[in-house]
Amino acid sequence: AMVCSTGGATPTSGVYTLGEQHRWHYLFGDVYGQYSTQITGNILFHSVPYTVYGDPSSLEYWEFDKLGEACSMGCIRLQVKDAKWIYDNFSIITAVEFYNDPDPGPLGKPEAPVISQNEACRGWDPTDPDPNNPWLTEQEASGSSSETAE
């Protein structure tokens, strides 16, 4: 399951064949998304917005903290790992279907971490595989992922 944010113009029903893809793409509001894949018209799958084109350290971390809430204009905002998965697997995805139902399904509603408190790392998406991502060093130092042993 992929945690996402949607908005007022997000489709609530229908089946769509994916269209154009861009590694970095201009979005409304002078921001940019990584790994964008067109769903229909101006509705895309993409990362949380960045303030600088091509700079993965310019993440709008306050928007990342909203993943799971309706806060986009209509695009589907995702963590980088999920936007990249769609981008990389474009050729095997035959269609995407939108439906409106309060039941999140058998996998439940996923959650993303809140990152704004970590000033040293918050300019990056924690799931971005870029070797310069400071979250990767922090996870190694703390003993891997955000999961805790009991």
N, C-alpha and C. Protein backbone atom coordinates (compact mmCIF):
# COMPACT_ATOMS: atom_id res chain seq x y z
N ALA A 1 0.84 -1.18 0.00
CA ALA A 1 0.00 0.00 0.00
C ALA A 1 0.89 1.24 0.00
N MET A 2 0.45 2.27 -0.69
CA MET A 2 1.20 3.51 -0.81
C MET A 2 0.42 4.64 -0.16
N VAL A 3 1.04 5.35 0.78
CA VAL A 3 0.40 6.51 1.38
C VAL A 3 0.44 7.64 0.35
N CYS A 4 -0.66 8.37 0.23
CA CYS A 4 -0.72 9.43 -0.77
C CYS A 4 -1.55 10.60 -0.28
N SER A 5 -1.46 11.70 -1.00
CA SER A 5 -2.34 12.84 -0.80
C SER A 5 -3.03 13.11 -2.12
N THR A 6 -4.28 13.51 -2.03
CA THR A 6 -5.08 13.83 -3.21
C THR A 6 -5.62 15.25 -3.03
N GLY A 7 -6.51 15.66 -3.93
CA GLY A 7 -7.08 16.99 -3.84
C GLY A 7 -8.43 17.09 -4.54
N GLY A 8 -8.92 18.29 -4.64
CA GLY A 8 -10.26 18.53 -5.18
C GLY A 8 -10.46 18.05 -6.61
N ALA A 9 -9.43 18.09 -7.42
CA ALA A 9 -9.56 17.67 -8.82
C ALA A 9 -9.17 16.22 -9.06
N THR A 10 -8.84 15.47 -8.00
CA THR A 10 -8.48 14.06 -8.16
C THR A 10 -9.71 13.27 -8.60
N PRO A 11 -9.56 12.42 -9.61
CA PRO A 11 -10.70 11.59 -10.01
C PRO A 11 -11.20 10.73 -8.85
N THR A 12 -12.51 10.55 -8.76
CA THR A 12 -13.08 9.67 -7.73
C THR A 12 -13.60 8.38 -8.33
N SER A 13 -13.54 8.27 -9.65
CA SER A 13 -13.93 7.02 -10.31
C SER A 13 -13.29 7.00 -11.69
N GLY A 14 -13.28 5.83 -12.28
CA GLY A 14 -12.77 5.69 -13.64
C GLY A 14 -11.49 4.89 -13.72
N VAL A 15 -11.23 4.41 -14.92
CA VAL A 15 -10.02 3.64 -15.22
C VAL A 15 -9.20 4.45 -16.22
N TYR A 16 -7.91 4.58 -15.95
CA TYR A 16 -7.05 5.44 -16.75
C TYR A 16 -5.81 4.68 -17.21
N THR A 17 -5.39 4.97 -18.45
CA THR A 17 -4.14 4.46 -18.99
C THR A 17 -3.10 5.54 -18.77
N LEU A 18 -1.96 5.17 -18.22
CA LEU A 18 -0.93 6.15 -17.90
C LEU A 18 -0.33 6.77 -19.15
N GLY A 19 0.10 8.04 -19.03
CA GLY A 19 0.65 8.78 -20.16
C GLY A 19 2.10 9.16 -19.98
N GLU A 20 2.42 10.42 -20.24
CA GLU A 20 3.80 10.91 -20.22
C GLU A 20 4.48 10.74 -18.87
N GLN A 21 5.79 10.62 -18.93
CA GLN A 21 6.60 10.53 -17.71
C GLN A 21 7.72 11.55 -17.76
N HIS A 22 8.10 12.07 -16.59
CA HIS A 22 9.21 13.01 -16.48
C HIS A 22 9.95 12.73 -15.19
N ARG A 23 11.28 12.68 -15.27
CA ARG A 23 12.09 12.47 -14.07
C ARG A 23 11.88 13.62 -13.08
N TRP A 24 11.91 14.86 -13.57
CA TRP A 24 11.54 16.06 -12.81
C TRP A 24 10.52 16.80 -13.65
N HIS A 25 9.47 17.33 -13.00
CA HIS A 25 8.40 17.98 -13.75
C HIS A 25 7.91 19.22 -13.02
N TYR A 26 7.69 20.28 -13.79
CA TYR A 26 7.13 21.51 -13.22
C TYR A 26 5.69 21.25 -12.78
N LEU A 27 5.35 21.73 -11.59
CA LEU A 27 3.99 21.59 -11.06
C LEU A 27 3.42 22.99 -10.84
N PHE A 28 2.13 23.10 -10.61
CA PHE A 28 1.52 24.39 -10.32
C PHE A 28 2.11 24.97 -9.03
N GLY A 29 2.28 26.28 -8.99
CA GLY A 29 2.77 26.94 -7.79
C GLY A 29 4.27 27.06 -7.72
N ASP A 30 4.94 27.02 -8.88
CA ASP A 30 6.40 27.15 -8.94
C ASP A 30 7.14 26.12 -8.09
N VAL A 31 6.67 24.89 -8.14
CA VAL A 31 7.35 23.78 -7.48
C VAL A 31 7.51 22.65 -8.49
N TYR A 32 8.26 21.61 -8.10
CA TYR A 32 8.62 20.54 -9.01
C TYR A 32 8.42 19.19 -8.34
N GLY A 33 8.09 18.19 -9.13
CA GLY A 33 7.92 16.84 -8.61
C GLY A 33 8.91 15.88 -9.25
N GLN A 34 9.33 14.91 -8.47
CA GLN A 34 10.17 13.83 -8.99
C GLN A 34 9.28 12.70 -9.48
N TYR A 35 9.77 11.99 -10.46
CA TYR A 35 9.14 10.76 -10.96
C TYR A 35 7.66 10.95 -11.25
N SER A 36 7.35 11.89 -12.14
CA SER A 36 5.94 12.13 -12.47
C SER A 36 5.49 11.20 -13.59
N THR A 37 4.27 10.71 -13.43
CA THR A 37 3.63 9.88 -14.44
C THR A 37 2.22 10.40 -14.61
N GLN A 38 1.86 10.73 -15.85
CA GLN A 38 0.55 11.30 -16.15
C GLN A 38 -0.55 10.25 -16.01
N ILE A 39 -1.62 10.65 -15.31
CA ILE A 39 -2.81 9.81 -15.20
C ILE A 39 -3.82 10.24 -16.25
N THR A 40 -4.20 11.52 -16.21
CA THR A 40 -5.10 12.10 -17.19
C THR A 40 -4.97 13.62 -17.13
N GLY A 41 -4.88 14.28 -18.25
CA GLY A 41 -4.75 15.74 -18.26
C GLY A 41 -3.59 16.19 -17.39
N ASN A 42 -3.88 17.12 -16.46
CA ASN A 42 -2.85 17.63 -15.55
C ASN A 42 -2.78 16.83 -14.25
N ILE A 43 -3.46 15.70 -14.17
CA ILE A 43 -3.44 14.88 -12.96
C ILE A 43 -2.31 13.85 -13.11
N LEU A 44 -1.39 13.88 -12.15
CA LEU A 44 -0.19 13.05 -12.21
C LEU A 44 0.03 12.30 -10.90
N PHE A 45 0.76 11.20 -10.99
CA PHE A 45 1.43 10.63 -9.83
C PHE A 45 2.76 11.37 -9.75
N HIS A 46 3.19 11.83 -8.58
CA HIS A 46 4.50 12.43 -8.43
C HIS A 46 4.86 12.49 -6.95
N SER A 47 6.12 12.82 -6.68
CA SER A 47 6.58 12.99 -5.30
C SER A 47 5.92 14.20 -4.66
N VAL A 48 6.17 14.38 -3.38
CA VAL A 48 5.82 15.63 -2.71
C VAL A 48 6.63 16.73 -3.41
N PRO A 49 6.13 17.95 -3.50
CA PRO A 49 6.84 19.01 -4.24
C PRO A 49 8.19 19.43 -3.65
N TYR A 50 9.02 19.93 -4.57
CA TYR A 50 10.34 20.49 -4.26
C TYR A 50 10.36 21.93 -4.74
N THR A 51 11.16 22.77 -4.09
CA THR A 51 11.23 24.18 -4.46
C THR A 51 12.23 24.46 -5.57
N VAL A 52 13.19 23.55 -5.79
CA VAL A 52 14.23 23.75 -6.81
C VAL A 52 14.24 22.56 -7.77
N TYR A 53 14.12 22.85 -9.06
CA TYR A 53 14.14 21.81 -10.10
C TYR A 53 15.44 21.01 -10.01
N GLY A 54 15.32 19.69 -9.96
CA GLY A 54 16.48 18.81 -9.97
C GLY A 54 17.23 18.71 -8.66
N ASP A 55 16.75 19.36 -7.59
CA ASP A 55 17.45 19.35 -6.30
C ASP A 55 16.65 18.56 -5.27
N PRO A 56 17.04 17.29 -5.03
CA PRO A 56 16.28 16.46 -4.09
C PRO A 56 16.43 16.88 -2.63
N SER A 57 17.25 17.91 -2.36
CA SER A 57 17.37 18.41 -0.99
C SER A 57 16.47 19.61 -0.73
N SER A 58 15.59 19.95 -1.70
CA SER A 58 14.71 21.11 -1.56
C SER A 58 13.26 20.72 -1.33
N LEU A 59 13.04 19.58 -0.67
CA LEU A 59 11.69 19.06 -0.41
C LEU A 59 10.87 20.04 0.43
N GLU A 60 9.60 20.21 0.08
CA GLU A 60 8.68 20.96 0.93
C GLU A 60 8.26 20.01 2.06
N TYR A 61 9.11 19.95 3.10
CA TYR A 61 8.91 18.98 4.19
C TYR A 61 7.57 19.17 4.89
N TRP A 62 7.08 20.40 4.95
CA TRP A 62 5.78 20.65 5.57
C TRP A 62 4.65 20.01 4.77
N GLU A 63 4.86 19.83 3.47
CA GLU A 63 3.89 19.13 2.63
C GLU A 63 4.06 17.61 2.79
N PHE A 64 5.29 17.15 2.96
CA PHE A 64 5.52 15.72 3.21
C PHE A 64 4.77 15.28 4.46
N ASP A 65 4.79 16.14 5.48
CA ASP A 65 4.09 15.82 6.74
C ASP A 65 2.59 15.66 6.56
N LYS A 66 2.04 16.12 5.43
CA LYS A 66 0.61 16.02 5.16
C LYS A 66 0.23 14.77 4.37
N LEU A 67 1.21 13.93 4.02
CA LEU A 67 0.86 12.72 3.26
C LEU A 67 -0.22 11.94 3.99
N GLY A 68 -1.21 11.51 3.24
CA GLY A 68 -2.36 10.83 3.83
C GLY A 68 -3.57 11.74 3.96
N GLU A 69 -3.36 13.05 3.79
CA GLU A 69 -4.45 14.03 3.86
C GLU A 69 -4.74 14.55 2.45
N ALA A 70 -5.94 15.08 2.25
CA ALA A 70 -6.27 15.74 0.99
C ALA A 70 -5.64 17.13 1.02
N CYS A 71 -4.58 17.35 0.24
CA CYS A 71 -3.90 18.64 0.28
C CYS A 71 -3.31 19.06 -1.07
N SER A 72 -3.47 18.24 -2.11
CA SER A 72 -2.96 18.63 -3.43
C SER A 72 -4.08 19.31 -4.21
N MET A 73 -3.74 19.82 -5.39
CA MET A 73 -4.78 20.39 -6.24
C MET A 73 -5.59 19.27 -6.89
N GLY A 74 -4.96 18.14 -7.12
CA GLY A 74 -5.63 17.03 -7.77
C GLY A 74 -4.71 15.87 -8.09
N CYS A 75 -3.40 16.15 -8.10
CA CYS A 75 -2.43 15.09 -8.35
C CYS A 75 -2.36 14.14 -7.16
N ILE A 76 -1.76 12.99 -7.40
CA ILE A 76 -1.53 12.01 -6.36
C ILE A 76 -0.09 12.17 -5.90
N ARG A 77 0.09 12.75 -4.72
CA ARG A 77 1.43 12.92 -4.14
C ARG A 77 1.82 11.65 -3.40
N LEU A 78 3.06 11.24 -3.62
CA LEU A 78 3.56 10.00 -3.04
C LEU A 78 4.95 10.21 -2.45
N GLN A 79 5.37 9.28 -1.61
CA GLN A 79 6.77 9.24 -1.20
C GLN A 79 7.60 8.92 -2.45
N VAL A 80 8.85 9.35 -2.47
CA VAL A 80 9.70 9.12 -3.64
C VAL A 80 9.75 7.64 -4.02
N LYS A 81 9.90 6.74 -3.04
CA LYS A 81 10.02 5.32 -3.38
C LYS A 81 8.79 4.84 -4.16
N ASP A 82 7.61 5.35 -3.83
CA ASP A 82 6.39 4.91 -4.50
C ASP A 82 6.22 5.58 -5.87
N ALA A 83 6.52 6.87 -5.96
CA ALA A 83 6.46 7.55 -7.26
C ALA A 83 7.47 6.93 -8.22
N LYS A 84 8.65 6.59 -7.70
CA LYS A 84 9.69 5.96 -8.51
C LYS A 84 9.27 4.55 -8.94
N TRP A 85 8.58 3.83 -8.07
CA TRP A 85 8.12 2.48 -8.43
C TRP A 85 7.16 2.56 -9.62
N ILE A 86 6.21 3.49 -9.56
CA ILE A 86 5.27 3.66 -10.68
C ILE A 86 6.04 4.07 -11.94
N TYR A 87 6.95 5.02 -11.80
CA TYR A 87 7.77 5.50 -12.91
C TYR A 87 8.57 4.36 -13.54
N ASP A 88 9.21 3.55 -12.70
CA ASP A 88 10.06 2.45 -13.18
C ASP A 88 9.25 1.29 -13.76
N ASN A 89 8.03 1.09 -13.28
CA ASN A 89 7.22 -0.05 -13.72
C ASN A 89 6.12 0.35 -14.70
N PHE A 90 6.26 1.50 -15.29
CA PHE A 90 5.29 2.05 -16.23
C PHE A 90 4.88 1.05 -17.30
N SER A 91 5.84 0.32 -17.84
CA SER A 91 5.55 -0.57 -18.97
C SER A 91 4.68 -1.76 -18.60
N ILE A 92 4.62 -2.12 -17.31
CA ILE A 92 3.79 -3.27 -16.92
C ILE A 92 2.47 -2.86 -16.28
N ILE A 93 2.28 -1.56 -16.05
CA ILE A 93 1.02 -1.08 -15.48
C ILE A 93 0.06 -0.82 -16.62
N THR A 94 -0.96 -1.64 -16.74
CA THR A 94 -1.88 -1.50 -17.86
C THR A 94 -2.92 -0.41 -17.64
N ALA A 95 -3.29 -0.17 -16.39
CA ALA A 95 -4.27 0.88 -16.09
C ALA A 95 -4.32 1.11 -14.59
N VAL A 96 -4.84 2.26 -14.19
CA VAL A 96 -5.10 2.54 -12.78
C VAL A 96 -6.59 2.85 -12.64
N GLU A 97 -7.16 2.40 -11.53
CA GLU A 97 -8.59 2.62 -11.30
C GLU A 97 -8.78 3.45 -10.04
N PHE A 98 -9.65 4.45 -10.15
CA PHE A 98 -10.02 5.28 -9.02
C PHE A 98 -11.41 4.89 -8.56
N TYR A 99 -11.60 4.83 -7.26
CA TYR A 99 -12.91 4.58 -6.70
C TYR A 99 -13.03 5.35 -5.40
N ASN A 100 -14.25 5.64 -5.01
CA ASN A 100 -14.52 6.42 -3.81
C ASN A 100 -15.22 5.53 -2.80
N ASP A 101 -14.51 5.20 -1.71
CA ASP A 101 -15.07 4.32 -0.70
C ASP A 101 -14.38 4.61 0.63
N PRO A 102 -15.13 4.79 1.71
CA PRO A 102 -14.48 5.05 3.00
C PRO A 102 -13.69 3.85 3.53
N ASP A 103 -13.95 2.66 3.02
CA ASP A 103 -13.23 1.46 3.44
C ASP A 103 -11.86 1.44 2.75
N PRO A 104 -10.76 1.47 3.52
CA PRO A 104 -9.43 1.49 2.89
C PRO A 104 -9.01 0.16 2.29
N GLY A 105 -9.82 -0.88 2.45
CA GLY A 105 -9.47 -2.17 1.88
C GLY A 105 -8.71 -3.03 2.86
N PRO A 106 -8.32 -4.24 2.42
CA PRO A 106 -7.70 -5.21 3.33
C PRO A 106 -6.33 -4.78 3.86
N LEU A 107 -5.63 -3.89 3.17
CA LEU A 107 -4.31 -3.47 3.63
C LEU A 107 -4.38 -2.30 4.61
N GLY A 108 -5.56 -1.70 4.76
CA GLY A 108 -5.68 -0.56 5.66
C GLY A 108 -5.12 0.70 5.02
N LYS A 109 -5.14 1.79 5.78
CA LYS A 109 -4.61 3.06 5.30
C LYS A 109 -3.18 3.21 5.79
N PRO A 110 -2.21 3.27 4.85
CA PRO A 110 -0.81 3.41 5.27
C PRO A 110 -0.52 4.80 5.81
N GLU A 111 0.59 4.94 6.53
CA GLU A 111 1.01 6.22 7.07
C GLU A 111 2.45 6.49 6.66
N ALA A 112 2.78 7.78 6.58
CA ALA A 112 4.16 8.20 6.32
C ALA A 112 4.69 8.85 7.58
N PRO A 113 6.01 8.84 7.76
CA PRO A 113 6.57 9.50 8.94
C PRO A 113 6.41 11.01 8.87
N VAL A 114 6.39 11.67 10.01
CA VAL A 114 6.44 13.13 10.08
C VAL A 114 7.92 13.49 10.17
N ILE A 115 8.39 14.38 9.27
CA ILE A 115 9.83 14.64 9.18
C ILE A 115 10.24 16.05 9.55
N SER A 116 9.28 16.97 9.76
CA SER A 116 9.62 18.38 9.93
C SER A 116 10.47 18.68 11.16
N GLN A 117 10.43 17.82 12.17
CA GLN A 117 11.21 18.06 13.39
C GLN A 117 12.70 17.81 13.19
N ASN A 118 13.08 17.04 12.18
CA ASN A 118 14.48 16.71 11.96
C ASN A 118 15.09 17.73 10.99
N GLU A 119 15.61 18.82 11.55
CA GLU A 119 16.12 19.92 10.72
C GLU A 119 17.29 19.50 9.84
N ALA A 120 18.10 18.56 10.27
CA ALA A 120 19.26 18.14 9.49
C ALA A 120 18.88 17.36 8.24
N CYS A 121 17.76 16.65 8.28
CA CYS A 121 17.39 15.76 7.18
C CYS A 121 16.13 16.17 6.43
N ARG A 122 15.31 17.03 6.99
CA ARG A 122 13.95 17.25 6.47
C ARG A 122 13.86 17.80 5.06
N GLY A 123 14.94 18.29 4.50
CA GLY A 123 14.91 18.75 3.11
C GLY A 123 14.87 17.61 2.11
N TRP A 124 14.97 16.39 2.60
CA TRP A 124 14.98 15.19 1.75
C TRP A 124 13.81 14.29 2.10
N ASP A 125 13.29 13.60 1.11
CA ASP A 125 12.31 12.54 1.34
C ASP A 125 13.08 11.36 1.93
N PRO A 126 12.64 10.82 3.08
CA PRO A 126 13.38 9.71 3.70
C PRO A 126 13.49 8.47 2.82
N THR A 127 12.61 8.33 1.81
CA THR A 127 12.62 7.15 0.96
C THR A 127 13.41 7.35 -0.33
N ASP A 128 13.99 8.54 -0.53
CA ASP A 128 14.73 8.81 -1.76
C ASP A 128 16.03 8.00 -1.76
N PRO A 129 16.26 7.18 -2.81
CA PRO A 129 17.46 6.33 -2.83
C PRO A 129 18.75 7.08 -3.18
N ASP A 130 18.69 8.38 -3.44
CA ASP A 130 19.88 9.18 -3.78
C ASP A 130 20.95 8.97 -2.70
N PRO A 131 22.19 8.63 -3.09
CA PRO A 131 23.23 8.37 -2.09
C PRO A 131 23.57 9.58 -1.21
N ASN A 132 23.20 10.77 -1.62
CA ASN A 132 23.44 11.97 -0.81
C ASN A 132 22.36 12.21 0.24
N ASN A 133 21.33 11.37 0.27
CA ASN A 133 20.22 11.54 1.20
C ASN A 133 20.71 11.33 2.64
N PRO A 134 20.63 12.36 3.49
CA PRO A 134 21.12 12.21 4.87
C PRO A 134 20.30 11.24 5.71
N TRP A 135 19.06 10.96 5.32
CA TRP A 135 18.26 9.97 6.04
C TRP A 135 18.92 8.59 5.98
N LEU A 136 19.58 8.28 4.86
CA LEU A 136 20.21 6.97 4.72
C LEU A 136 21.31 6.78 5.74
N THR A 137 22.12 7.81 5.98
CA THR A 137 23.18 7.76 6.98
C THR A 137 22.59 7.66 8.38
N GLU A 138 21.52 8.43 8.62
CA GLU A 138 20.88 8.41 9.94
C GLU A 138 20.28 7.04 10.24
N GLN A 139 19.67 6.40 9.24
CA GLN A 139 19.07 5.08 9.45
C GLN A 139 20.15 4.04 9.74
N GLU A 140 21.29 4.15 9.06
CA GLU A 140 22.39 3.22 9.32
C GLU A 140 22.92 3.39 10.74
N ALA A 141 23.04 4.65 11.18
CA ALA A 141 23.57 4.93 12.52
C ALA A 141 22.62 4.45 13.61
N SER A 142 21.32 4.52 13.35
CA SER A 142 20.35 4.11 14.36
C SER A 142 20.00 2.62 14.26
N GLY A 143 20.59 1.93 13.32
CA GLY A 143 20.36 0.50 13.21
C GLY A 143 19.26 0.13 12.25
N SER A 144 19.13 0.82 11.15
CA SER A 144 18.24 0.50 10.03
C SER A 144 17.00 1.36 10.01
N SER A 145 15.84 0.76 9.85
CA SER A 145 14.62 1.52 9.52
C SER A 145 13.95 2.09 10.75
N SER A 146 12.74 2.62 10.52
CA SER A 146 11.98 3.23 11.61
C SER A 146 11.28 2.19 12.48
N GLU A 147 11.42 0.94 12.13
CA GLU A 147 10.79 -0.12 12.93
C GLU A 147 11.56 -0.31 14.23
N THR A 148 10.86 -0.58 15.29
CA THR A 148 11.51 -0.77 16.58
C THR A 148 11.33 -2.22 17.03
N ALA A 149 12.33 -2.73 17.70
CA ALA A 149 12.26 -4.09 18.23
C ALA A 149 11.54 -4.06 19.58
N GLU A 150 10.80 -5.11 19.86
CA GLU A 150 10.09 -5.18 21.15
C GLU A 150 10.58 -6.35 21.96
